[in-house]
């Protein structure tokens, strides 16, 4: 089956399993991990892949996906054995504000 262009994917697992074209951004995992930043702020325009990147991090680190390392096979992060050993080893809490709308705190609470 031929690959298609995946538009609108926000879940990394769905994207990889969906047999769509994907520009490998898993090198971000290694760069981010090695920087050891206390806080990471990712600012990009709308529809620029922020939620997909967070989903990728969740699939990589979360112990919830410990048995799903296979989805990273063939991607750049999987070339590094020390990172393969990190896959699925941490509890991850993923909060997305993608659907939060409002101009101020009161608007958001509604």
PDB file of N, CA and C in Angstrom:
ATOM      1  N   UNK A   1       0.843  -1.180   0.000  1.00  0.00           N
ATOM      2  CA  UNK A   1       0.000   0.000   0.000  1.00  0.00           C
ATOM      3  C   UNK A   1       0.889   1.244   0.000  1.00  0.00           C
ATOM      4  N   UNK A   2       0.596   2.204  -0.835  1.00  0.00           N
ATOM      5  CA  UNK A   2       1.386   3.419  -0.958  1.00  0.00           C
ATOM      6  C   UNK A   2       1.148   4.344   0.229  1.00  0.00           C
ATOM      7  N   UNK A   3       2.196   5.058   0.619  1.00  0.00           N
ATOM      8  CA  UNK A   3       2.068   6.033   1.699  1.00  0.00           C
ATOM      9  C   UNK A   3       1.331   7.258   1.188  1.00  0.00           C
ATOM     10  N   UNK A   4       0.627   7.905   2.099  1.00  0.00           N
ATOM     11  CA  UNK A   4      -0.083   9.132   1.762  1.00  0.00           C
ATOM     12  C   UNK A   4       0.469  10.271   2.613  1.00  0.00           C
ATOM     13  N   UNK A   5       0.054  11.478   2.299  1.00  0.00           N
ATOM     14  CA  UNK A   5       0.436  12.642   3.091  1.00  0.00           C
ATOM     15  C   UNK A   5      -0.513  12.717   4.278  1.00  0.00           C
ATOM     16  N   UNK A   6       0.044  12.701   5.470  1.00  0.00           N
ATOM     17  CA  UNK A   6      -0.769  12.750   6.685  1.00  0.00           C
ATOM     18  C   UNK A   6      -0.973  14.179   7.137  1.00  0.00           C
ATOM     19  N   UNK A   7      -2.180  14.654   7.033  1.00  0.00           N
ATOM     20  CA  UNK A   7      -2.485  16.029   7.426  1.00  0.00           C
ATOM     21  C   UNK A   7      -3.354  15.987   8.674  1.00  0.00           C
ATOM     22  N   UNK A   8      -2.976  16.771   9.667  1.00  0.00           N
ATOM     23  CA  UNK A   8      -3.793  16.904  10.861  1.00  0.00           C
ATOM     24  C   UNK A   8      -3.529  15.888  11.955  1.00  0.00           C
ATOM     25  N   UNK A   9      -2.532  15.052  11.805  1.00  0.00           N
ATOM     26  CA  UNK A   9      -2.222  14.075  12.849  1.00  0.00           C
ATOM     27  C   UNK A   9      -1.666  14.782  14.076  1.00  0.00           C
ATOM     28  N   UNK A  10      -2.190  14.431  15.253  1.00  0.00           N
ATOM     29  CA  UNK A  10      -1.668  14.963  16.504  1.00  0.00           C
ATOM     30  C   UNK A  10      -1.171  13.851  17.412  1.00  0.00           C
ATOM     31  N   UNK A  11      -1.464  12.612  17.069  1.00  0.00           N
ATOM     32  CA  UNK A  11      -1.033  11.465  17.860  1.00  0.00           C
ATOM     33  C   UNK A  11       0.082  10.743  17.113  1.00  0.00           C
ATOM     34  N   UNK A  12       1.251  10.667  17.746  1.00  0.00           N
ATOM     35  CA  UNK A  12       2.424  10.080  17.099  1.00  0.00           C
ATOM     36  C   UNK A  12       2.182   8.627  16.705  1.00  0.00           C
ATOM     37  N   UNK A  13       1.569   7.858  17.571  1.00  0.00           N
ATOM     38  CA  UNK A  13       1.310   6.450  17.280  1.00  0.00           C
ATOM     39  C   UNK A  13       0.399   6.275  16.082  1.00  0.00           C
ATOM     40  N   UNK A  14      -0.659   7.084  16.015  1.00  0.00           N
ATOM     41  CA  UNK A  14      -1.573   7.020  14.871  1.00  0.00           C
ATOM     42  C   UNK A  14      -0.847   7.378  13.577  1.00  0.00           C
ATOM     43  N   UNK A  15       0.028   8.370  13.656  1.00  0.00           N
ATOM     44  CA  UNK A  15       0.763   8.803  12.470  1.00  0.00           C
ATOM     45  C   UNK A  15       1.678   7.694  11.966  1.00  0.00           C
ATOM     46  N   UNK A  16       2.441   7.089  12.852  1.00  0.00           N
ATOM     47  CA  UNK A  16       3.379   6.039  12.445  1.00  0.00           C
ATOM     48  C   UNK A  16       2.629   4.805  11.951  1.00  0.00           C
ATOM     49  N   UNK A  17       1.585   4.423  12.651  1.00  0.00           N
ATOM     50  CA  UNK A  17       0.823   3.231  12.262  1.00  0.00           C
ATOM     51  C   UNK A  17      -0.044   3.479  11.033  1.00  0.00           C
ATOM     52  N   UNK A  18      -0.269   4.763  10.701  1.00  0.00           N
ATOM     53  CA  UNK A  18      -1.150   5.117   9.594  1.00  0.00           C
ATOM     54  C   UNK A  18      -0.513   5.044   8.225  1.00  0.00           C
ATOM     55  N   UNK A  19       0.755   4.624   8.156  1.00  0.00           N
ATOM     56  CA  UNK A  19       1.440   4.475   6.873  1.00  0.00           C
ATOM     57  C   UNK A  19       1.403   5.767   6.054  1.00  0.00           C
ATOM     58  N   UNK A  20       1.754   6.877   6.725  1.00  0.00           N
ATOM     59  CA  UNK A  20       1.814   8.168   6.039  1.00  0.00           C
ATOM     60  C   UNK A  20       3.254   8.664   6.052  1.00  0.00           C
ATOM     61  N   UNK A  21       3.548   9.594   5.166  1.00  0.00           N
ATOM     62  CA  UNK A  21       4.878  10.193   5.148  1.00  0.00           C
ATOM     63  C   UNK A  21       5.108  10.938   6.452  1.00  0.00           C
ATOM     64  N   UNK A  22       6.330  10.835   6.971  1.00  0.00           N
ATOM     65  CA  UNK A  22       6.689  11.508   8.216  1.00  0.00           C
ATOM     66  C   UNK A  22       8.135  11.971   8.115  1.00  0.00           C
ATOM     67  N   UNK A  23       8.371  13.243   8.359  1.00  0.00           N
ATOM     68  CA  UNK A  23       9.735  13.759   8.423  1.00  0.00           C
ATOM     69  C   UNK A  23      10.228  13.482   9.831  1.00  0.00           C
ATOM     70  N   UNK A  24      11.254  12.663   9.933  1.00  0.00           N
ATOM     71  CA  UNK A  24      11.754  12.188  11.222  1.00  0.00           C
ATOM     72  C   UNK A  24      12.259  13.343  12.080  1.00  0.00           C
ATOM     73  N   UNK A  25      11.571  13.582  13.174  1.00  0.00           N
ATOM     74  CA  UNK A  25      11.975  14.617  14.123  1.00  0.00           C
ATOM     75  C   UNK A  25      12.360  14.010  15.462  1.00  0.00           C
ATOM     76  N   UNK A  26      12.623  12.705  15.479  1.00  0.00           N
ATOM     77  CA  UNK A  26      12.949  12.058  16.751  1.00  0.00           C
ATOM     78  C   UNK A  26      14.318  12.468  17.280  1.00  0.00           C
ATOM     79  N   UNK A  27      15.156  13.082  16.446  1.00  0.00           N
ATOM     80  CA  UNK A  27      16.430  13.622  16.950  1.00  0.00           C
ATOM     81  C   UNK A  27      16.186  14.644  18.046  1.00  0.00           C
ATOM     82  N   UNK A  28      14.986  15.260  18.044  1.00  0.00           N
ATOM     83  CA  UNK A  28      14.634  16.224  19.094  1.00  0.00           C
ATOM     84  C   UNK A  28      14.711  15.573  20.472  1.00  0.00           C
ATOM     85  N   UNK A  29      14.347  14.302  20.575  1.00  0.00           N
ATOM     86  CA  UNK A  29      14.378  13.595  21.857  1.00  0.00           C
ATOM     87  C   UNK A  29      15.794  13.617  22.418  1.00  0.00           C
ATOM     88  N   UNK A  30      16.764  13.270  21.603  1.00  0.00           N
ATOM     89  CA  UNK A  30      18.165  13.231  22.039  1.00  0.00           C
ATOM     90  C   UNK A  30      18.658  14.630  22.400  1.00  0.00           C
ATOM     91  N   UNK A  31      18.402  15.597  21.545  1.00  0.00           N
ATOM     92  CA  UNK A  31      18.832  16.973  21.818  1.00  0.00           C
ATOM     93  C   UNK A  31      18.220  17.495  23.111  1.00  0.00           C
ATOM     94  N   UNK A  32      16.924  17.291  23.266  1.00  0.00           N
ATOM     95  CA  UNK A  32      16.217  17.771  24.451  1.00  0.00           C
ATOM     96  C   UNK A  32      16.748  17.088  25.705  1.00  0.00           C
ATOM     97  N   UNK A  33      16.921  15.780  25.653  1.00  0.00           N
ATOM     98  CA  UNK A  33      17.391  15.011  26.810  1.00  0.00           C
ATOM     99  C   UNK A  33      18.794  15.448  27.223  1.00  0.00           C
ATOM    100  N   UNK A  34      19.656  15.654  26.260  1.00  0.00           N
ATOM    101  CA  UNK A  34      21.042  16.015  26.564  1.00  0.00           C
ATOM    102  C   UNK A  34      21.189  17.449  27.055  1.00  0.00           C
ATOM    103  N   UNK A  35      20.265  18.334  26.715  1.00  0.00           N
ATOM    104  CA  UNK A  35      20.317  19.717  27.196  1.00  0.00           C
ATOM    105  C   UNK A  35      20.032  19.822  28.690  1.00  0.00           C
ATOM    106  N   UNK A  36      19.245  18.896  29.214  1.00  0.00           N
ATOM    107  CA  UNK A  36      18.905  18.869  30.640  1.00  0.00           C
ATOM    108  C   UNK A  36      18.335  20.199  31.136  1.00  0.00           C
ATOM    109  N   UNK A  37      17.532  20.834  30.314  1.00  0.00           N
ATOM    110  CA  UNK A  37      16.893  22.084  30.711  1.00  0.00           C
ATOM    111  C   UNK A  37      15.910  21.840  31.843  1.00  0.00           C
ATOM    112  N   UNK A  38      15.813  22.798  32.760  1.00  0.00           N
ATOM    113  CA  UNK A  38      14.835  22.703  33.839  1.00  0.00           C
ATOM    114  C   UNK A  38      13.439  22.930  33.271  1.00  0.00           C
ATOM    115  N   UNK A  39      13.334  23.872  32.347  1.00  0.00           N
ATOM    116  CA  UNK A  39      12.059  24.191  31.701  1.00  0.00           C
ATOM    117  C   UNK A  39      12.300  24.256  30.197  1.00  0.00           C
ATOM    118  N   UNK A  40      11.365  23.719  29.447  1.00  0.00           N
ATOM    119  CA  UNK A  40      11.444  23.793  27.992  1.00  0.00           C
ATOM    120  C   UNK A  40      10.201  24.506  27.487  1.00  0.00           C
ATOM    121  N   UNK A  41      10.390  25.570  26.748  1.00  0.00           N
ATOM    122  CA  UNK A  41       9.286  26.315  26.156  1.00  0.00           C
ATOM    123  C   UNK A  41       9.375  26.143  24.648  1.00  0.00           C
ATOM    124  N   UNK A  42       8.342  25.566  24.081  1.00  0.00           N
ATOM    125  CA  UNK A  42       8.305  25.349  22.635  1.00  0.00           C
ATOM    126  C   UNK A  42       7.279  26.307  22.050  1.00  0.00           C
ATOM    127  N   UNK A  43       7.766  27.284  21.321  1.00  0.00           N
ATOM    128  CA  UNK A  43       6.871  28.259  20.704  1.00  0.00           C
ATOM    129  C   UNK A  43       6.981  28.132  19.192  1.00  0.00           C
ATOM    130  N   UNK A  44       5.878  27.914  18.582  1.00  0.00           N
ATOM    131  CA  UNK A  44       5.788  27.809  17.129  1.00  0.00           C
ATOM    132  C   UNK A  44       4.398  28.303  16.721  1.00  0.00           C
ATOM    133  N   UNK A  45       4.241  28.689  15.469  1.00  0.00           N
ATOM    134  CA  UNK A  45       2.906  29.094  15.007  1.00  0.00           C
ATOM    135  C   UNK A  45       1.914  27.931  15.080  1.00  0.00           C
ATOM    136  N   UNK A  46       0.654  28.267  14.974  1.00  0.00           N
ATOM    137  CA  UNK A  46      -0.395  27.244  14.944  1.00  0.00           C
ATOM    138  C   UNK A  46      -0.114  26.238  13.834  1.00  0.00           C
ATOM    139  N   UNK A  47      -0.500  24.974  14.113  1.00  0.00           N
ATOM    140  CA  UNK A  47      -0.409  23.897  13.128  1.00  0.00           C
ATOM    141  C   UNK A  47       1.042  23.602  12.723  1.00  0.00           C
ATOM    142  N   UNK A  48       1.982  23.835  13.629  1.00  0.00           N
ATOM    143  CA  UNK A  48       3.399  23.657  13.323  1.00  0.00           C
ATOM    144  C   UNK A  48       3.981  22.407  13.964  1.00  0.00           C
ATOM    145  N   UNK A  49       3.136  21.566  14.584  1.00  0.00           N
ATOM    146  CA  UNK A  49       3.603  20.290  15.100  1.00  0.00           C
ATOM    147  C   UNK A  49       3.941  20.233  16.579  1.00  0.00           C
ATOM    148  N   UNK A  50       3.516  21.228  17.348  1.00  0.00           N
ATOM    149  CA  UNK A  50       3.823  21.222  18.783  1.00  0.00           C
ATOM    150  C   UNK A  50       3.161  20.044  19.488  1.00  0.00           C
ATOM    151  N   UNK A  51       1.892  19.825  19.244  1.00  0.00           N
ATOM    152  CA  UNK A  51       1.169  18.728  19.889  1.00  0.00           C
ATOM    153  C   UNK A  51       1.719  17.384  19.438  1.00  0.00           C
ATOM    154  N   UNK A  52       2.046  17.248  18.167  1.00  0.00           N
ATOM    155  CA  UNK A  52       2.630  16.005  17.663  1.00  0.00           C
ATOM    156  C   UNK A  52       3.991  15.742  18.315  1.00  0.00           C
ATOM    157  N   UNK A  53       4.782  16.783  18.518  1.00  0.00           N
ATOM    158  CA  UNK A  53       6.077  16.625  19.184  1.00  0.00           C
ATOM    159  C   UNK A  53       5.888  16.160  20.621  1.00  0.00           C
ATOM    160  N   UNK A  54       4.931  16.732  21.322  1.00  0.00           N
ATOM    161  CA  UNK A  54       4.662  16.303  22.700  1.00  0.00           C
ATOM    162  C   UNK A  54       4.164  14.860  22.729  1.00  0.00           C
ATOM    163  N   UNK A  55       3.367  14.495  21.751  1.00  0.00           N
ATOM    164  CA  UNK A  55       2.891  13.114  21.653  1.00  0.00           C
ATOM    165  C   UNK A  55       4.056  12.165  21.396  1.00  0.00           C
ATOM    166  N   UNK A  56       5.000  12.585  20.548  1.00  0.00           N
ATOM    167  CA  UNK A  56       6.184  11.773  20.274  1.00  0.00           C
ATOM    168  C   UNK A  56       6.977  11.549  21.557  1.00  0.00           C
ATOM    169  N   UNK A  57       7.161  12.601  22.347  1.00  0.00           N
ATOM    170  CA  UNK A  57       7.880  12.470  23.618  1.00  0.00           C
ATOM    171  C   UNK A  57       7.152  11.523  24.566  1.00  0.00           C
ATOM    172  N   UNK A  58       5.830  11.634  24.593  1.00  0.00           N
ATOM    173  CA  UNK A  58       5.053  10.743  25.457  1.00  0.00           C
ATOM    174  C   UNK A  58       5.210   9.288  25.018  1.00  0.00           C
ATOM    175  N   UNK A  59       5.084   9.020  23.740  1.00  0.00           N
ATOM    176  CA  UNK A  59       5.250   7.646  23.247  1.00  0.00           C
ATOM    177  C   UNK A  59       6.649   7.122  23.540  1.00  0.00           C
ATOM    178  N   UNK A  60       7.624   8.006  23.508  1.00  0.00           N
ATOM    179  CA  UNK A  60       8.987   7.539  23.736  1.00  0.00           C
ATOM    180  C   UNK A  60       9.262   7.263  25.216  1.00  0.00           C
ATOM    181  N   UNK A  61       8.908   8.184  26.080  1.00  0.00           N
ATOM    182  CA  UNK A  61       9.305   8.060  27.486  1.00  0.00           C
ATOM    183  C   UNK A  61       8.287   7.352  28.376  1.00  0.00           C
ATOM    184  N   UNK A  62       7.019   7.424  28.056  1.00  0.00           N
ATOM    185  CA  UNK A  62       5.984   6.937  28.969  1.00  0.00           C
ATOM    186  C   UNK A  62       6.015   5.427  29.163  1.00  0.00           C
ATOM    187  N   UNK A  63       5.931   5.012  30.425  1.00  0.00           N
ATOM    188  CA  UNK A  63       5.866   3.575  30.716  1.00  0.00           C
ATOM    189  C   UNK A  63       4.553   2.976  30.213  1.00  0.00           C
ATOM    190  N   UNK A  64       3.601   3.807  29.905  1.00  0.00           N
ATOM    191  CA  UNK A  64       2.343   3.338  29.313  1.00  0.00           C
ATOM    192  C   UNK A  64       2.573   2.721  27.930  1.00  0.00           C
ATOM    193  N   UNK A  65       3.629   3.174  27.257  1.00  0.00           N
ATOM    194  CA  UNK A  65       3.953   2.677  25.920  1.00  0.00           C
ATOM    195  C   UNK A  65       5.230   1.838  25.921  1.00  0.00           C
ATOM    196  N   UNK A  66       5.553   1.242  27.057  1.00  0.00           N
ATOM    197  CA  UNK A  66       6.808   0.487  27.204  1.00  0.00           C
ATOM    198  C   UNK A  66       6.935  -0.645  26.190  1.00  0.00           C
ATOM    199  N   UNK A  67       5.860  -1.242  25.808  1.00  0.00           N
ATOM    200  CA  UNK A  67       5.899  -2.377  24.874  1.00  0.00           C
ATOM    201  C   UNK A  67       5.770  -1.945  23.414  1.00  0.00           C
ATOM    202  N   UNK A  68       5.794  -0.632  23.164  1.00  0.00           N
ATOM    203  CA  UNK A  68       5.575  -0.148  21.800  1.00  0.00           C
ATOM    204  C   UNK A  68       6.807   0.510  21.188  1.00  0.00           C
ATOM    205  N   UNK A  69       7.982   0.152  21.664  1.00  0.00           N
ATOM    206  CA  UNK A  69       9.210   0.720  21.117  1.00  0.00           C
ATOM    207  C   UNK A  69       9.384   0.463  19.634  1.00  0.00           C
ATOM    208  N   UNK A  70       8.706  -0.544  19.142  1.00  0.00           N
ATOM    209  CA  UNK A  70       8.820  -0.908  17.721  1.00  0.00           C
ATOM    210  C   UNK A  70       8.447   0.256  16.793  1.00  0.00           C
ATOM    211  N   UNK A  71       7.573   1.155  17.243  1.00  0.00           N
ATOM    212  CA  UNK A  71       7.183   2.263  16.363  1.00  0.00           C
ATOM    213  C   UNK A  71       8.338   3.235  16.108  1.00  0.00           C
ATOM    214  N   UNK A  72       9.405   3.137  16.910  1.00  0.00           N
ATOM    215  CA  UNK A  72      10.570   3.997  16.700  1.00  0.00           C
ATOM    216  C   UNK A  72      11.636   3.348  15.825  1.00  0.00           C
ATOM    217  N   UNK A  73      11.444   2.073  15.487  1.00  0.00           N
ATOM    218  CA  UNK A  73      12.416   1.395  14.628  1.00  0.00           C
ATOM    219  C   UNK A  73      12.476   2.090  13.269  1.00  0.00           C
ATOM    220  N   UNK A  74      13.692   2.314  12.796  1.00  0.00           N
ATOM    221  CA  UNK A  74      13.884   2.999  11.524  1.00  0.00           C
ATOM    222  C   UNK A  74      13.957   4.509  11.656  1.00  0.00           C
ATOM    223  N   UNK A  75      13.708   5.042  12.852  1.00  0.00           N
ATOM    224  CA  UNK A  75      13.794   6.481  13.084  1.00  0.00           C
ATOM    225  C   UNK A  75      15.128   6.802  13.756  1.00  0.00           C
ATOM    226  N   UNK A  76      15.563   8.042  13.652  1.00  0.00           N
ATOM    227  CA  UNK A  76      16.924   8.397  14.083  1.00  0.00           C
ATOM    228  C   UNK A  76      17.200   8.099  15.554  1.00  0.00           C
ATOM    229  N   UNK A  77      16.243   8.261  16.436  1.00  0.00           N
ATOM    230  CA  UNK A  77      16.482   8.021  17.862  1.00  0.00           C
ATOM    231  C   UNK A  77      16.823   6.565  18.131  1.00  0.00           C
ATOM    232  N   UNK A  78      16.301   5.674  17.316  1.00  0.00           N
ATOM    233  CA  UNK A  78      16.484   4.236  17.543  1.00  0.00           C
ATOM    234  C   UNK A  78      17.890   3.768  17.186  1.00  0.00           C
ATOM    235  N   UNK A  79      18.667   4.621  16.523  1.00  0.00           N
ATOM    236  CA  UNK A  79      20.049   4.281  16.186  1.00  0.00           C
ATOM    237  C   UNK A  79      20.962   4.321  17.407  1.00  0.00           C
ATOM    238  N   UNK A  80      20.515   4.955  18.477  1.00  0.00           N
ATOM    239  CA  UNK A  80      21.325   5.139  19.683  1.00  0.00           C
ATOM    240  C   UNK A  80      20.846   4.185  20.771  1.00  0.00           C
ATOM    241  N   UNK A  81      21.637   3.168  21.061  1.00  0.00           N
ATOM    242  CA  UNK A  81      21.215   2.126  22.004  1.00  0.00           C
ATOM    243  C   UNK A  81      20.883   2.686  23.379  1.00  0.00           C
ATOM    244  N   UNK A  82      21.640   3.683  23.833  1.00  0.00           N
ATOM    245  CA  UNK A  82      21.365   4.239  25.160  1.00  0.00           C
ATOM    246  C   UNK A  82      19.980   4.874  25.230  1.00  0.00           C
ATOM    247  N   UNK A  83      19.474   5.348  24.096  1.00  0.00           N
ATOM    248  CA  UNK A  83      18.126   5.919  24.069  1.00  0.00           C
ATOM    249  C   UNK A  83      17.069   4.834  23.915  1.00  0.00           C
ATOM    250  N   UNK A  84      17.398   3.776  23.224  1.00  0.00           N
ATOM    251  CA  UNK A  84      16.465   2.639  23.157  1.00  0.00           C
ATOM    252  C   UNK A  84      16.167   2.135  24.563  1.00  0.00           C
ATOM    253  N   UNK A  85      17.186   2.163  25.428  1.00  0.00           N
ATOM    254  CA  UNK A  85      17.004   1.703  26.804  1.00  0.00           C
ATOM    255  C   UNK A  85      16.142   2.650  27.632  1.00  0.00           C
ATOM    256  N   UNK A  86      15.993   3.890  27.198  1.00  0.00           N
ATOM    257  CA  UNK A  86      15.142   4.856  27.902  1.00  0.00           C
ATOM    258  C   UNK A  86      13.672   4.737  27.505  1.00  0.00           C
ATOM    259  N   UNK A  87      13.415   4.132  26.353  1.00  0.00           N
ATOM    260  CA  UNK A  87      12.037   4.085  25.855  1.00  0.00           C
ATOM    261  C   UNK A  87      11.133   3.335  26.823  1.00  0.00           C
ATOM    262  N   UNK A  88      10.037   4.007  27.191  1.00  0.00           N
ATOM    263  CA  UNK A  88       9.018   3.384  28.031  1.00  0.00           C
ATOM    264  C   UNK A  88       9.389   3.238  29.491  1.00  0.00           C
ATOM    265  N   UNK A  89      10.257   4.098  30.011  1.00  0.00           N
ATOM    266  CA  UNK A  89      10.747   3.909  31.376  1.00  0.00           C
ATOM    267  C   UNK A  89      10.267   4.947  32.388  1.00  0.00           C
ATOM    268  N   UNK A  90       9.486   5.927  31.980  1.00  0.00           N
ATOM    269  CA  UNK A  90       9.088   6.996  32.897  1.00  0.00           C
ATOM    270  C   UNK A  90       7.571   7.163  32.935  1.00  0.00           C
ATOM    271  N   UNK A  91       7.051   7.555  34.097  1.00  0.00           N
ATOM    272  CA  UNK A  91       5.651   7.976  34.121  1.00  0.00           C
ATOM    273  C   UNK A  91       5.571   9.372  33.488  1.00  0.00           C
ATOM    274  N   UNK A  92       4.626   9.570  32.617  1.00  0.00           N
ATOM    275  CA  UNK A  92       4.495  10.846  31.907  1.00  0.00           C
ATOM    276  C   UNK A  92       3.084  11.379  32.098  1.00  0.00           C
ATOM    277  N   UNK A  93       2.997  12.650  32.431  1.00  0.00           N
ATOM    278  CA  UNK A  93       1.708  13.348  32.490  1.00  0.00           C
ATOM    279  C   UNK A  93       1.715  14.341  31.343  1.00  0.00           C
ATOM    280  N   UNK A  94       0.786  14.188  30.428  1.00  0.00           N
ATOM    281  CA  UNK A  94       0.720  15.040  29.245  1.00  0.00           C
ATOM    282  C   UNK A  94      -0.495  15.945  29.357  1.00  0.00           C
ATOM    283  N   UNK A  95      -0.250  17.236  29.444  1.00  0.00           N
ATOM    284  CA  UNK A  95      -1.328  18.221  29.480  1.00  0.00           C
ATOM    285  C   UNK A  95      -1.300  19.010  28.182  1.00  0.00           C
ATOM    286  N   UNK A  96      -2.422  19.069  27.514  1.00  0.00           N
ATOM    287  CA  UNK A  96      -2.507  19.842  26.284  1.00  0.00           C
ATOM    288  C   UNK A  96      -3.522  20.963  26.473  1.00  0.00           C
ATOM    289  N   UNK A  97      -3.131  22.142  26.085  1.00  0.00           N
ATOM    290  CA  UNK A  97      -4.027  23.289  26.133  1.00  0.00           C
ATOM    291  C   UNK A  97      -4.510  23.655  24.728  1.00  0.00           C
ATOM    292  N   UNK A  98      -4.406  22.711  23.815  1.00  0.00           N
ATOM    293  CA  UNK A  98      -4.764  22.958  22.419  1.00  0.00           C
ATOM    294  C   UNK A  98      -6.212  23.415  22.264  1.00  0.00           C
ATOM    295  N   UNK A  99      -7.099  22.923  23.098  1.00  0.00           N
ATOM    296  CA  UNK A  99      -8.516  23.273  22.968  1.00  0.00           C
ATOM    297  C   UNK A  99      -8.966  24.327  23.966  1.00  0.00           C
ATOM    298  N   UNK A 100      -8.036  24.912  24.699  1.00  0.00           N
ATOM    299  CA  UNK A 100      -8.372  25.959  25.660  1.00  0.00           C
ATOM    300  C   UNK A 100      -8.429  27.278  24.911  1.00  0.00           C
ATOM    301  N   UNK A 101      -9.572  27.925  24.986  1.00  0.00           N
ATOM    302  CA  UNK A 101      -9.756  29.189  24.276  1.00  0.00           C
ATOM    303  C   UNK A 101     -10.135  30.274  25.277  1.00  0.00           C
ATOM    304  N   UNK A 102      -9.643  31.466  25.064  1.00  0.00           N
ATOM    305  CA  UNK A 102      -9.999  32.595  25.912  1.00  0.00           C
ATOM    306  C   UNK A 102      -8.929  33.657  25.882  1.00  0.00           C
ATOM    307  N   UNK A 103      -9.351  34.874  26.189  1.00  0.00           N
ATOM    308  CA  UNK A 103      -8.419  35.999  26.193  1.00  0.00           C
ATOM    309  C   UNK A 103      -7.817  36.250  27.564  1.00  0.00           C
ATOM    310  N   UNK A 104      -8.458  35.731  28.611  1.00  0.00           N
ATOM    311  CA  UNK A 104      -7.936  35.917  29.960  1.00  0.00           C
ATOM    312  C   UNK A 104      -8.338  34.726  30.829  1.00  0.00           C
ATOM    313  N   UNK A 105      -7.902  34.744  32.062  1.00  0.00           N
ATOM    314  CA  UNK A 105      -8.127  33.629  32.978  1.00  0.00           C
ATOM    315  C   UNK A 105      -9.618  33.317  33.144  1.00  0.00           C
ATOM    316  N   UNK A 106     -10.433  34.338  33.258  1.00  0.00           N
ATOM    317  CA  UNK A 106     -11.875  34.129  33.439  1.00  0.00           C
ATOM    318  C   UNK A 106     -12.497  33.454  32.216  1.00  0.00           C
ATOM    319  N   UNK A 107     -12.098  33.869  31.032  1.00  0.00           N
ATOM    320  CA  UNK A 107     -12.605  33.236  29.806  1.00  0.00           C
ATOM    321  C   UNK A 107     -12.235  31.757  29.755  1.00  0.00           C
ATOM    322  N   UNK A 108     -11.027  31.445  30.147  1.00  0.00           N
ATOM    323  CA  UNK A 108     -10.547  30.064  30.100  1.00  0.00           C
ATOM    324  C   UNK A 108     -11.304  29.195  31.094  1.00  0.00           C
ATOM    325  N   UNK A 109     -11.656  29.735  32.236  1.00  0.00           N
ATOM    326  CA  UNK A 109     -12.371  28.964  33.267  1.00  0.00           C
ATOM    327  C   UNK A 109     -13.787  28.601  32.841  1.00  0.00           C
ATOM    328  N   UNK A 110     -14.369  29.334  31.921  1.00  0.00           N
ATOM    329  CA  UNK A 110     -15.753  29.070  31.487  1.00  0.00           C
ATOM    330  C   UNK A 110     -15.849  27.864  30.615  1.00  0.00           C
TER     331      UNK A 110
END
